[in-house]
Each structure stands twice: as C-alpha cells, then as structure tokens.
Amino acid sequence: MAKKNNLKSIRLSDQVMDYVINFEGDGFNQKFENLVLFCMEQEESKKQRITLLDQQIAKQYKKLNALQQISSEIGDVRRALTHLEQQANDLSILMDELL
C-alpha cells in the first residue's frame, strides 16, 4: 500500500459512519481507504456502463417515436376508411331509394 503522509480529521454523520464501519478492513482508517479505493476502481466502469445504457435508451426512444408515428398514420387511415365506409353506406341507401 502507498505511504500515508496525510493526517486528516473528518466529521461524519451516523449514516456515513455506519457505512464505513461495515466496509471491509481492520480499522476505521483502513475501512475508509478501502471504500475510497473501491469507489475509484468502480468509477470508470460505471461511467462506461452509463454511456452504453444512455445509447441504448436513445435507440429505444427513436424506435418508440417511429412506432408512435406509424400508429398515428394507422389511425389516420382507419378514420379515412371509416369515413369511406359511411359514404359507401349512404350511397347504397341512395341507390336503393332510386331503384
């Protein structure tokens, strides 16, 4: 382990103190240092994972937007077909009256 030249005094909430105490290590100083080193080691991989997830989310939003557009277009076609069906029924009624 690296030489420890820094002597510091810190104040911690009970919640943080409990978290540090429950981390692996022999004493508070070692537990605290192990916790910080663990966080440092995990930081880069977590950033990369977040970037990957953000990209996946962006792709899913694009797919969702495309599906919403298609759904809207299907609704427009459905309304047009319903209108045509009503007009065809009206025309059929008129033709029956004429005959």
PDB file of N, CA and C in Angstrom:
ATOM      1  N   MET A   1       0.828  -1.178   0.000  1.00  0.00           N
ATOM      2  CA  MET A   1       0.000   0.000   0.000  1.00  0.00           C
ATOM      3  C   MET A   1       0.876   1.247   0.000  1.00  0.00           C
ATOM      4  N   ALA A   2       0.347   2.330  -0.496  1.00  0.00           N
ATOM      5  CA  ALA A   2       1.084   3.587  -0.585  1.00  0.00           C
ATOM      6  C   ALA A   2       1.352   4.154   0.805  1.00  0.00           C
ATOM      7  N   LYS A   3       2.440   4.925   0.883  1.00  0.00           N
ATOM      8  CA  LYS A   3       2.802   5.570   2.144  1.00  0.00           C
ATOM      9  C   LYS A   3       1.733   6.584   2.492  1.00  0.00           C
ATOM     10  N   LYS A   4       1.357   6.644   3.752  1.00  0.00           N
ATOM     11  CA  LYS A   4       0.268   7.513   4.200  1.00  0.00           C
ATOM     12  C   LYS A   4       0.855   8.750   4.867  1.00  0.00           C
ATOM     13  N   ASN A   5       0.993   9.812   4.083  1.00  0.00           N
ATOM     14  CA  ASN A   5       1.570  11.059   4.569  1.00  0.00           C
ATOM     15  C   ASN A   5       0.524  12.056   5.041  1.00  0.00           C
ATOM     16  N   ASN A   6      -0.739  11.813   4.768  1.00  0.00           N
ATOM     17  CA  ASN A   6      -1.785  12.788   5.043  1.00  0.00           C
ATOM     18  C   ASN A   6      -2.529  12.447   6.320  1.00  0.00           C
ATOM     19  N   LEU A   7      -2.421  13.337   7.274  1.00  0.00           N
ATOM     20  CA  LEU A   7      -3.120  13.190   8.535  1.00  0.00           C
ATOM     21  C   LEU A   7      -4.291  14.160   8.513  1.00  0.00           C
ATOM     22  N   LYS A   8      -5.522  13.629   8.532  1.00  0.00           N
ATOM     23  CA  LYS A   8      -6.712  14.459   8.462  1.00  0.00           C
ATOM     24  C   LYS A   8      -7.692  14.044   9.536  1.00  0.00           C
ATOM     25  N   SER A   9      -8.475  14.991   9.951  1.00  0.00           N
ATOM     26  CA  SER A   9      -9.572  14.738  10.869  1.00  0.00           C
ATOM     27  C   SER A   9     -10.855  15.067  10.114  1.00  0.00           C
ATOM     28  N   ILE A  10     -11.844  14.177  10.203  1.00  0.00           N
ATOM     29  CA  ILE A  10     -13.095  14.424   9.479  1.00  0.00           C
ATOM     30  C   ILE A  10     -14.278  14.237  10.418  1.00  0.00           C
ATOM     31  N   ARG A  11     -15.377  14.862  10.048  1.00  0.00           N
ATOM     32  CA  ARG A  11     -16.629  14.691  10.779  1.00  0.00           C
ATOM     33  C   ARG A  11     -17.592  13.961   9.861  1.00  0.00           C
ATOM     34  N   LEU A  12     -18.271  12.958  10.408  1.00  0.00           N
ATOM     35  CA  LEU A  12     -19.168  12.126   9.616  1.00  0.00           C
ATOM     36  C   LEU A  12     -20.525  12.030  10.284  1.00  0.00           C
ATOM     37  N   SER A  13     -21.555  11.907   9.460  1.00  0.00           N
ATOM     38  CA  SER A  13     -22.882  11.621  10.003  1.00  0.00           C
ATOM     39  C   SER A  13     -22.901  10.169  10.469  1.00  0.00           C
ATOM     40  N   ASP A  14     -23.891   9.830  11.271  1.00  0.00           N
ATOM     41  CA  ASP A  14     -24.020   8.450  11.747  1.00  0.00           C
ATOM     42  C   ASP A  14     -24.204   7.490  10.571  1.00  0.00           C
ATOM     43  N   GLN A  15     -24.959   7.927   9.578  1.00  0.00           N
ATOM     44  CA  GLN A  15     -25.227   7.084   8.413  1.00  0.00           C
ATOM     45  C   GLN A  15     -23.920   6.753   7.676  1.00  0.00           C
ATOM     46  N   VAL A  16     -23.083   7.761   7.453  1.00  0.00           N
ATOM     47  CA  VAL A  16     -21.816   7.537   6.750  1.00  0.00           C
ATOM     48  C   VAL A  16     -20.883   6.703   7.623  1.00  0.00           C
ATOM     49  N   MET A  17     -20.860   6.986   8.899  1.00  0.00           N
ATOM     50  CA  MET A  17     -20.010   6.236   9.823  1.00  0.00           C
ATOM     51  C   MET A  17     -20.381   4.752   9.797  1.00  0.00           C
ATOM     52  N   ASP A  18     -21.681   4.459   9.852  1.00  0.00           N
ATOM     53  CA  ASP A  18     -22.128   3.063   9.816  1.00  0.00           C
ATOM     54  C   ASP A  18     -21.713   2.389   8.509  1.00  0.00           C
ATOM     55  N   TYR A  19     -21.809   3.130   7.404  1.00  0.00           N
ATOM     56  CA  TYR A  19     -21.439   2.569   6.104  1.00  0.00           C
ATOM     57  C   TYR A  19     -19.955   2.232   6.068  1.00  0.00           C
ATOM     58  N   VAL A  20     -19.116   3.154   6.537  1.00  0.00           N
ATOM     59  CA  VAL A  20     -17.665   2.932   6.543  1.00  0.00           C
ATOM     60  C   VAL A  20     -17.322   1.766   7.464  1.00  0.00           C
ATOM     61  N   ILE A  21     -17.923   1.726   8.630  1.00  0.00           N
ATOM     62  CA  ILE A  21     -17.631   0.670   9.608  1.00  0.00           C
ATOM     63  C   ILE A  21     -17.985  -0.710   9.046  1.00  0.00           C
ATOM     64  N   ASN A  22     -19.010  -0.777   8.230  1.00  0.00           N
ATOM     65  CA  ASN A  22     -19.433  -2.059   7.666  1.00  0.00           C
ATOM     66  C   ASN A  22     -18.632  -2.471   6.436  1.00  0.00           C
ATOM     67  N   PHE A  23     -17.704  -1.628   5.986  1.00  0.00           N
ATOM     68  CA  PHE A  23     -16.880  -1.977   4.835  1.00  0.00           C
ATOM     69  C   PHE A  23     -15.725  -2.856   5.303  1.00  0.00           C
ATOM     70  N   GLU A  24     -15.091  -3.586   4.355  1.00  0.00           N
ATOM     71  CA  GLU A  24     -14.009  -4.487   4.733  1.00  0.00           C
ATOM     72  C   GLU A  24     -12.760  -3.721   5.164  1.00  0.00           C
ATOM     73  N   GLY A  25     -12.086  -4.261   6.152  1.00  0.00           N
ATOM     74  CA  GLY A  25     -10.854  -3.660   6.658  1.00  0.00           C
ATOM     75  C   GLY A  25     -10.745  -3.894   8.152  1.00  0.00           C
ATOM     76  N   ASP A  26      -9.562  -3.623   8.686  1.00  0.00           N
ATOM     77  CA  ASP A  26      -9.327  -3.906  10.110  1.00  0.00           C
ATOM     78  C   ASP A  26      -9.744  -2.771  11.025  1.00  0.00           C
ATOM     79  N   GLY A  27      -9.455  -1.553  10.655  1.00  0.00           N
ATOM     80  CA  GLY A  27      -9.821  -0.419  11.490  1.00  0.00           C
ATOM     81  C   GLY A  27     -10.492   0.635  10.639  1.00  0.00           C
ATOM     82  N   PHE A  28     -10.936   1.724  11.287  1.00  0.00           N
ATOM     83  CA  PHE A  28     -11.659   2.763  10.561  1.00  0.00           C
ATOM     84  C   PHE A  28     -10.827   3.304   9.398  1.00  0.00           C
ATOM     85  N   ASN A  29      -9.556   3.621   9.647  1.00  0.00           N
ATOM     86  CA  ASN A  29      -8.717   4.189   8.589  1.00  0.00           C
ATOM     87  C   ASN A  29      -8.615   3.253   7.388  1.00  0.00           C
ATOM     88  N   GLN A  30      -8.386   1.974   7.640  1.00  0.00           N
ATOM     89  CA  GLN A  30      -8.267   1.011   6.546  1.00  0.00           C
ATOM     90  C   GLN A  30      -9.612   0.828   5.839  1.00  0.00           C
ATOM     91  N   LYS A  31     -10.687   0.769   6.600  1.00  0.00           N
ATOM     92  CA  LYS A  31     -12.015   0.630   6.006  1.00  0.00           C
ATOM     93  C   LYS A  31     -12.328   1.830   5.109  1.00  0.00           C
ATOM     94  N   PHE A  32     -12.021   3.031   5.615  1.00  0.00           N
ATOM     95  CA  PHE A  32     -12.287   4.245   4.846  1.00  0.00           C
ATOM     96  C   PHE A  32     -11.464   4.259   3.557  1.00  0.00           C
ATOM     97  N   GLU A  33     -10.183   3.932   3.680  1.00  0.00           N
ATOM     98  CA  GLU A  33      -9.321   3.919   2.499  1.00  0.00           C
ATOM     99  C   GLU A  33      -9.766   2.838   1.508  1.00  0.00           C
ATOM    100  N   ASN A  34     -10.136   1.661   1.996  1.00  0.00           N
ATOM    101  CA  ASN A  34     -10.626   0.602   1.119  1.00  0.00           C
ATOM    102  C   ASN A  34     -11.895   1.035   0.382  1.00  0.00           C
ATOM    103  N   LEU A  35     -12.763   1.730   1.088  1.00  0.00           N
ATOM    104  CA  LEU A  35     -14.006   2.209   0.478  1.00  0.00           C
ATOM    105  C   LEU A  35     -13.720   3.207  -0.639  1.00  0.00           C
ATOM    106  N   VAL A  36     -12.828   4.146  -0.382  1.00  0.00           N
ATOM    107  CA  VAL A  36     -12.488   5.151  -1.394  1.00  0.00           C
ATOM    108  C   VAL A  36     -11.807   4.484  -2.586  1.00  0.00           C
ATOM    109  N   LEU A  37     -10.888   3.576  -2.340  1.00  0.00           N
ATOM    110  CA  LEU A  37     -10.203   2.882  -3.438  1.00  0.00           C
ATOM    111  C   LEU A  37     -11.190   2.057  -4.263  1.00  0.00           C
ATOM    112  N   PHE A  38     -12.120   1.400  -3.588  1.00  0.00           N
ATOM    113  CA  PHE A  38     -13.155   0.628  -4.289  1.00  0.00           C
ATOM    114  C   PHE A  38     -13.967   1.544  -5.206  1.00  0.00           C
ATOM    115  N   CYS A  39     -14.374   2.691  -4.689  1.00  0.00           N
ATOM    116  CA  CYS A  39     -15.144   3.646  -5.494  1.00  0.00           C
ATOM    117  C   CYS A  39     -14.335   4.141  -6.685  1.00  0.00           C
ATOM    118  N   MET A  40     -13.067   4.397  -6.471  1.00  0.00           N
ATOM    119  CA  MET A  40     -12.205   4.858  -7.562  1.00  0.00           C
ATOM    120  C   MET A  40     -12.095   3.792  -8.655  1.00  0.00           C
ATOM    121  N   GLU A  41     -11.953   2.536  -8.232  1.00  0.00           N
ATOM    122  CA  GLU A  41     -11.825   1.438  -9.194  1.00  0.00           C
ATOM    123  C   GLU A  41     -13.117   1.241  -9.989  1.00  0.00           C
ATOM    124  N   GLN A  42     -14.247   1.437  -9.352  1.00  0.00           N
ATOM    125  CA  GLN A  42     -15.541   1.194  -9.983  1.00  0.00           C
ATOM    126  C   GLN A  42     -16.011   2.362 -10.853  1.00  0.00           C
ATOM    127  N   GLU A  43     -15.484   3.544 -10.606  1.00  0.00           N
ATOM    128  CA  GLU A  43     -15.988   4.750 -11.264  1.00  0.00           C
ATOM    129  C   GLU A  43     -15.926   4.670 -12.790  1.00  0.00           C
ATOM    130  N   GLU A  44     -14.810   4.287 -13.360  1.00  0.00           N
ATOM    131  CA  GLU A  44     -14.669   4.279 -14.820  1.00  0.00           C
ATOM    132  C   GLU A  44     -15.598   3.259 -15.465  1.00  0.00           C
ATOM    133  N   SER A  45     -15.665   2.061 -14.885  1.00  0.00           N
ATOM    134  CA  SER A  45     -16.543   1.049 -15.480  1.00  0.00           C
ATOM    135  C   SER A  45     -18.006   1.468 -15.374  1.00  0.00           C
ATOM    136  N   LYS A  46     -18.369   2.141 -14.308  1.00  0.00           N
ATOM    137  CA  LYS A  46     -19.754   2.619 -14.163  1.00  0.00           C
ATOM    138  C   LYS A  46     -20.052   3.729 -15.171  1.00  0.00           C
ATOM    139  N   LYS A  47     -19.090   4.601 -15.411  1.00  0.00           N
ATOM    140  CA  LYS A  47     -19.274   5.657 -16.413  1.00  0.00           C
ATOM    141  C   LYS A  47     -19.466   5.043 -17.791  1.00  0.00           C
ATOM    142  N   GLN A  48     -18.679   4.027 -18.117  1.00  0.00           N
ATOM    143  CA  GLN A  48     -18.801   3.356 -19.417  1.00  0.00           C
ATOM    144  C   GLN A  48     -20.160   2.672 -19.529  1.00  0.00           C
ATOM    145  N   ARG A  49     -20.591   2.048 -18.450  1.00  0.00           N
ATOM    146  CA  ARG A  49     -21.894   1.364 -18.445  1.00  0.00           C
ATOM    147  C   ARG A  49     -23.020   2.381 -18.628  1.00  0.00           C
ATOM    148  N   ILE A  50     -22.917   3.508 -17.965  1.00  0.00           N
ATOM    149  CA  ILE A  50     -23.933   4.555 -18.096  1.00  0.00           C
ATOM    150  C   ILE A  50     -23.975   5.074 -19.529  1.00  0.00           C
ATOM    151  N   THR A  51     -22.817   5.269 -20.144  1.00  0.00           N
ATOM    152  CA  THR A  51     -22.759   5.726 -21.535  1.00  0.00           C
ATOM    153  C   THR A  51     -23.440   4.717 -22.446  1.00  0.00           C
ATOM    154  N   LEU A  52     -23.157   3.436 -22.256  1.00  0.00           N
ATOM    155  CA  LEU A  52     -23.775   2.385 -23.054  1.00  0.00           C
ATOM    156  C   LEU A  52     -25.291   2.379 -22.858  1.00  0.00           C
ATOM    157  N   LEU A  53     -25.734   2.480 -21.616  1.00  0.00           N
ATOM    158  CA  LEU A  53     -27.169   2.495 -21.340  1.00  0.00           C
ATOM    159  C   LEU A  53     -27.837   3.728 -21.929  1.00  0.00           C
ATOM    160  N   ASP A  54     -27.164   4.875 -21.869  1.00  0.00           N
ATOM    161  CA  ASP A  54     -27.714   6.091 -22.475  1.00  0.00           C
ATOM    162  C   ASP A  54     -27.888   5.910 -23.982  1.00  0.00           C
ATOM    163  N   GLN A  55     -26.929   5.259 -24.624  1.00  0.00           N
ATOM    164  CA  GLN A  55     -27.027   4.997 -26.069  1.00  0.00           C
ATOM    165  C   GLN A  55     -28.195   4.062 -26.367  1.00  0.00           C
ATOM    166  N   GLN A  56     -28.355   3.034 -25.544  1.00  0.00           N
ATOM    167  CA  GLN A  56     -29.456   2.100 -25.736  1.00  0.00           C
ATOM    168  C   GLN A  56     -30.803   2.799 -25.528  1.00  0.00           C
ATOM    169  N   ILE A  57     -30.869   3.662 -24.539  1.00  0.00           N
ATOM    170  CA  ILE A  57     -32.097   4.412 -24.290  1.00  0.00           C
ATOM    171  C   ILE A  57     -32.420   5.309 -25.474  1.00  0.00           C
ATOM    172  N   ALA A  58     -31.417   5.969 -26.018  1.00  0.00           N
ATOM    173  CA  ALA A  58     -31.627   6.842 -27.183  1.00  0.00           C
ATOM    174  C   ALA A  58     -32.161   6.034 -28.369  1.00  0.00           C
ATOM    175  N   LYS A  59     -31.606   4.847 -28.590  1.00  0.00           N
ATOM    176  CA  LYS A  59     -32.088   3.985 -29.676  1.00  0.00           C
ATOM    177  C   LYS A  59     -33.539   3.580 -29.447  1.00  0.00           C
ATOM    178  N   GLN A  60     -33.858   3.246 -28.199  1.00  0.00           N
ATOM    179  CA  GLN A  60     -35.228   2.838 -27.889  1.00  0.00           C
ATOM    180  C   GLN A  60     -36.207   3.999 -28.072  1.00  0.00           C
ATOM    181  N   TYR A  61     -35.786   5.208 -27.722  1.00  0.00           N
ATOM    182  CA  TYR A  61     -36.637   6.381 -27.946  1.00  0.00           C
ATOM    183  C   TYR A  61     -36.881   6.593 -29.432  1.00  0.00           C
ATOM    184  N   LYS A  62     -35.856   6.393 -30.260  1.00  0.00           N
ATOM    185  CA  LYS A  62     -36.033   6.519 -31.706  1.00  0.00           C
ATOM    186  C   LYS A  62     -37.040   5.493 -32.209  1.00  0.00           C
ATOM    187  N   LYS A  63     -36.911   4.250 -31.726  1.00  0.00           N
ATOM    188  CA  LYS A  63     -37.863   3.206 -32.120  1.00  0.00           C
ATOM    189  C   LYS A  63     -39.274   3.564 -31.653  1.00  0.00           C
ATOM    190  N   LEU A  64     -39.381   4.041 -30.434  1.00  0.00           N
ATOM    191  CA  LEU A  64     -40.690   4.427 -29.890  1.00  0.00           C
ATOM    192  C   LEU A  64     -41.308   5.542 -30.722  1.00  0.00           C
ATOM    193  N   ASN A  65     -40.511   6.544 -31.073  1.00  0.00           N
ATOM    194  CA  ASN A  65     -41.022   7.646 -31.895  1.00  0.00           C
ATOM    195  C   ASN A  65     -41.486   7.144 -33.254  1.00  0.00           C
ATOM    196  N   ALA A  66     -40.726   6.225 -33.838  1.00  0.00           N
ATOM    197  CA  ALA A  66     -41.117   5.663 -35.135  1.00  0.00           C
ATOM    198  C   ALA A  66     -42.427   4.893 -35.007  1.00  0.00           C
ATOM    199  N   LEU A  67     -42.560   4.107 -33.940  1.00  0.00           N
ATOM    200  CA  LEU A  67     -43.793   3.355 -33.724  1.00  0.00           C
ATOM    201  C   LEU A  67     -44.975   4.284 -33.479  1.00  0.00           C
ATOM    202  N   GLN A  68     -44.749   5.367 -32.735  1.00  0.00           N
ATOM    203  CA  GLN A  68     -45.821   6.329 -32.500  1.00  0.00           C
ATOM    204  C   GLN A  68     -46.257   6.988 -33.807  1.00  0.00           C
ATOM    205  N   GLN A  69     -45.302   7.271 -34.678  1.00  0.00           N
ATOM    206  CA  GLN A  69     -45.620   7.854 -35.984  1.00  0.00           C
ATOM    207  C   GLN A  69     -46.445   6.878 -36.817  1.00  0.00           C
ATOM    208  N   ILE A  70     -46.026   5.621 -36.831  1.00  0.00           N
ATOM    209  CA  ILE A  70     -46.761   4.595 -37.576  1.00  0.00           C
ATOM    210  C   ILE A  70     -48.168   4.434 -37.007  1.00  0.00           C
ATOM    211  N   SER A  71     -48.258   4.418 -35.678  1.00  0.00           N
ATOM    212  CA  SER A  71     -49.562   4.296 -35.024  1.00  0.00           C
ATOM    213  C   SER A  71     -50.471   5.461 -35.391  1.00  0.00           C
ATOM    214  N   SER A  72     -49.915   6.647 -35.442  1.00  0.00           N
ATOM    215  CA  SER A  72     -50.682   7.832 -35.828  1.00  0.00           C
ATOM    216  C   SER A  72     -51.170   7.706 -37.275  1.00  0.00           C
ATOM    217  N   GLU A  73     -50.278   7.248 -38.142  1.00  0.00           N
ATOM    218  CA  GLU A  73     -50.654   7.068 -39.543  1.00  0.00           C
ATOM    219  C   GLU A  73     -51.726   5.995 -39.694  1.00  0.00           C
ATOM    220  N   ILE A  74     -51.622   4.929 -38.929  1.00  0.00           N
ATOM    221  CA  ILE A  74     -52.643   3.875 -38.958  1.00  0.00           C
ATOM    222  C   ILE A  74     -53.986   4.448 -38.501  1.00  0.00           C
ATOM    223  N   GLY A  75     -53.956   5.282 -37.475  1.00  0.00           N
ATOM    224  CA  GLY A  75     -55.184   5.930 -37.007  1.00  0.00           C
ATOM    225  C   GLY A  75     -55.795   6.801 -38.090  1.00  0.00           C
ATOM    226  N   ASP A  76     -54.948   7.540 -38.807  1.00  0.00           N
ATOM    227  CA  ASP A  76     -55.439   8.385 -39.904  1.00  0.00           C
ATOM    228  C   ASP A  76     -56.094   7.532 -40.991  1.00  0.00           C
ATOM    229  N   VAL A  77     -55.456   6.425 -41.371  1.00  0.00           N
ATOM    230  CA  VAL A  77     -56.002   5.532 -42.396  1.00  0.00           C
ATOM    231  C   VAL A  77     -57.314   4.926 -41.900  1.00  0.00           C
ATOM    232  N   ARG A  78     -57.346   4.536 -40.653  1.00  0.00           N
ATOM    233  CA  ARG A  78     -58.565   3.936 -40.082  1.00  0.00           C
ATOM    234  C   ARG A  78     -59.728   4.926 -40.131  1.00  0.00           C
ATOM    235  N   ARG A  79     -59.455   6.173 -39.756  1.00  0.00           N
ATOM    236  CA  ARG A  79     -60.501   7.196 -39.805  1.00  0.00           C
ATOM    237  C   ARG A  79     -60.968   7.426 -41.241  1.00  0.00           C
ATOM    238  N   ALA A  80     -60.029   7.448 -42.182  1.00  0.00           N
ATOM    239  CA  ALA A  80     -60.382   7.639 -43.594  1.00  0.00           C
ATOM    240  C   ALA A  80     -61.228   6.470 -44.099  1.00  0.00           C
ATOM    241  N   LEU A  81     -60.874   5.261 -43.714  1.00  0.00           N
ATOM    242  CA  LEU A  81     -61.649   4.085 -44.138  1.00  0.00           C
ATOM    243  C   LEU A  81     -63.043   4.100 -43.523  1.00  0.00           C
ATOM    244  N   THR A  82     -63.132   4.486 -42.276  1.00  0.00           N
ATOM    245  CA  THR A  82     -64.448   4.590 -41.623  1.00  0.00           C
ATOM    246  C   THR A  82     -65.307   5.618 -42.342  1.00  0.00           C
ATOM    247  N   HIS A  83     -64.716   6.747 -42.688  1.00  0.00           N
ATOM    248  CA  HIS A  83     -65.437   7.789 -43.425  1.00  0.00           C
ATOM    249  C   HIS A  83     -65.886   7.263 -44.787  1.00  0.00           C
ATOM    250  N   LEU A  84     -64.997   6.556 -45.490  1.00  0.00           N
ATOM    251  CA  LEU A  84     -65.361   5.974 -46.776  1.00  0.00           C
ATOM    252  C   LEU A  84     -66.488   4.951 -46.633  1.00  0.00           C
ATOM    253  N   GLU A  85     -66.416   4.160 -45.565  1.00  0.00           N
ATOM    254  CA  GLU A  85     -67.462   3.162 -45.323  1.00  0.00           C
ATOM    255  C   GLU A  85     -68.810   3.851 -45.100  1.00  0.00           C
ATOM    256  N   GLN A  86     -68.811   4.947 -44.350  1.00  0.00           N
ATOM    257  CA  GLN A  86     -70.050   5.687 -44.122  1.00  0.00           C
ATOM    258  C   GLN A  86     -70.583   6.267 -45.438  1.00  0.00           C
ATOM    259  N   GLN A  87     -69.679   6.782 -46.248  1.00  0.00           N
ATOM    260  CA  GLN A  87     -70.102   7.322 -47.535  1.00  0.00           C
ATOM    261  C   GLN A  87     -70.637   6.217 -48.444  1.00  0.00           C
ATOM    262  N   ALA A  88     -70.009   5.048 -48.423  1.00  0.00           N
ATOM    263  CA  ALA A  88     -70.479   3.924 -49.227  1.00  0.00           C
ATOM    264  C   ALA A  88     -71.865   3.487 -48.761  1.00  0.00           C
ATOM    265  N   ASN A  89     -72.082   3.469 -47.451  1.00  0.00           N
ATOM    266  CA  ASN A  89     -73.403   3.112 -46.918  1.00  0.00           C
ATOM    267  C   ASN A  89     -74.450   4.141 -47.343  1.00  0.00           C
ATOM    268  N   ASP A  90     -74.083   5.409 -47.251  1.00  0.00           N
ATOM    269  CA  ASP A  90     -75.000   6.471 -47.674  1.00  0.00           C
ATOM    270  C   ASP A  90     -75.328   6.331 -49.163  1.00  0.00           C
ATOM    271  N   LEU A  91     -74.321   6.058 -49.974  1.00  0.00           N
ATOM    272  CA  LEU A  91     -74.523   5.887 -51.402  1.00  0.00           C
ATOM    273  C   LEU A  91     -75.411   4.665 -51.676  1.00  0.00           C
ATOM    274  N   SER A  92     -75.195   3.602 -50.937  1.00  0.00           N
ATOM    275  CA  SER A  92     -76.015   2.406 -51.103  1.00  0.00           C
ATOM    276  C   SER A  92     -77.459   2.680 -50.761  1.00  0.00           C
ATOM    277  N   ILE A  93     -77.693   3.443 -49.727  1.00  0.00           N
ATOM    278  CA  ILE A  93     -79.066   3.812 -49.341  1.00  0.00           C
ATOM    279  C   ILE A  93     -79.704   4.658 -50.448  1.00  0.00           C
ATOM    280  N   LEU A  94     -78.951   5.622 -50.976  1.00  0.00           N
ATOM    281  CA  LEU A  94     -79.473   6.464 -52.055  1.00  0.00           C
ATOM    282  C   LEU A  94     -79.803   5.627 -53.298  1.00  0.00           C
ATOM    283  N   MET A  95     -78.929   4.673 -53.614  1.00  0.00           N
ATOM    284  CA  MET A  95     -79.145   3.831 -54.796  1.00  0.00           C
ATOM    285  C   MET A  95     -80.389   2.964 -54.583  1.00  0.00           C
ATOM    286  N   ASP A  96     -80.589   2.453 -53.373  1.00  0.00           N
ATOM    287  CA  ASP A  96     -81.790   1.656 -53.090  1.00  0.00           C
ATOM    288  C   ASP A  96     -83.041   2.507 -53.241  1.00  0.00           C
ATOM    289  N   GLU A  97     -82.954   3.772 -52.821  1.00  0.00           N
ATOM    290  CA  GLU A  97     -84.109   4.662 -52.951  1.00  0.00           C
ATOM    291  C   GLU A  97     -84.408   4.963 -54.406  1.00  0.00           C
ATOM    292  N   LEU A  98     -83.346   5.097 -55.210  1.00  0.00           N
ATOM    293  CA  LEU A  98     -83.536   5.399 -56.628  1.00  0.00           C
ATOM    294  C   LEU A  98     -84.110   4.206 -57.386  1.00  0.00           C
ATOM    295  N   LEU A  99     -83.737   3.027 -56.959  1.00  0.00           N
ATOM    296  CA  LEU A  99     -84.211   1.843 -57.666  1.00  0.00           C
ATOM    297  C   LEU A  99     -85.578   1.492 -57.154  1.00  0.00           C
TER     298      LEU A  99
END
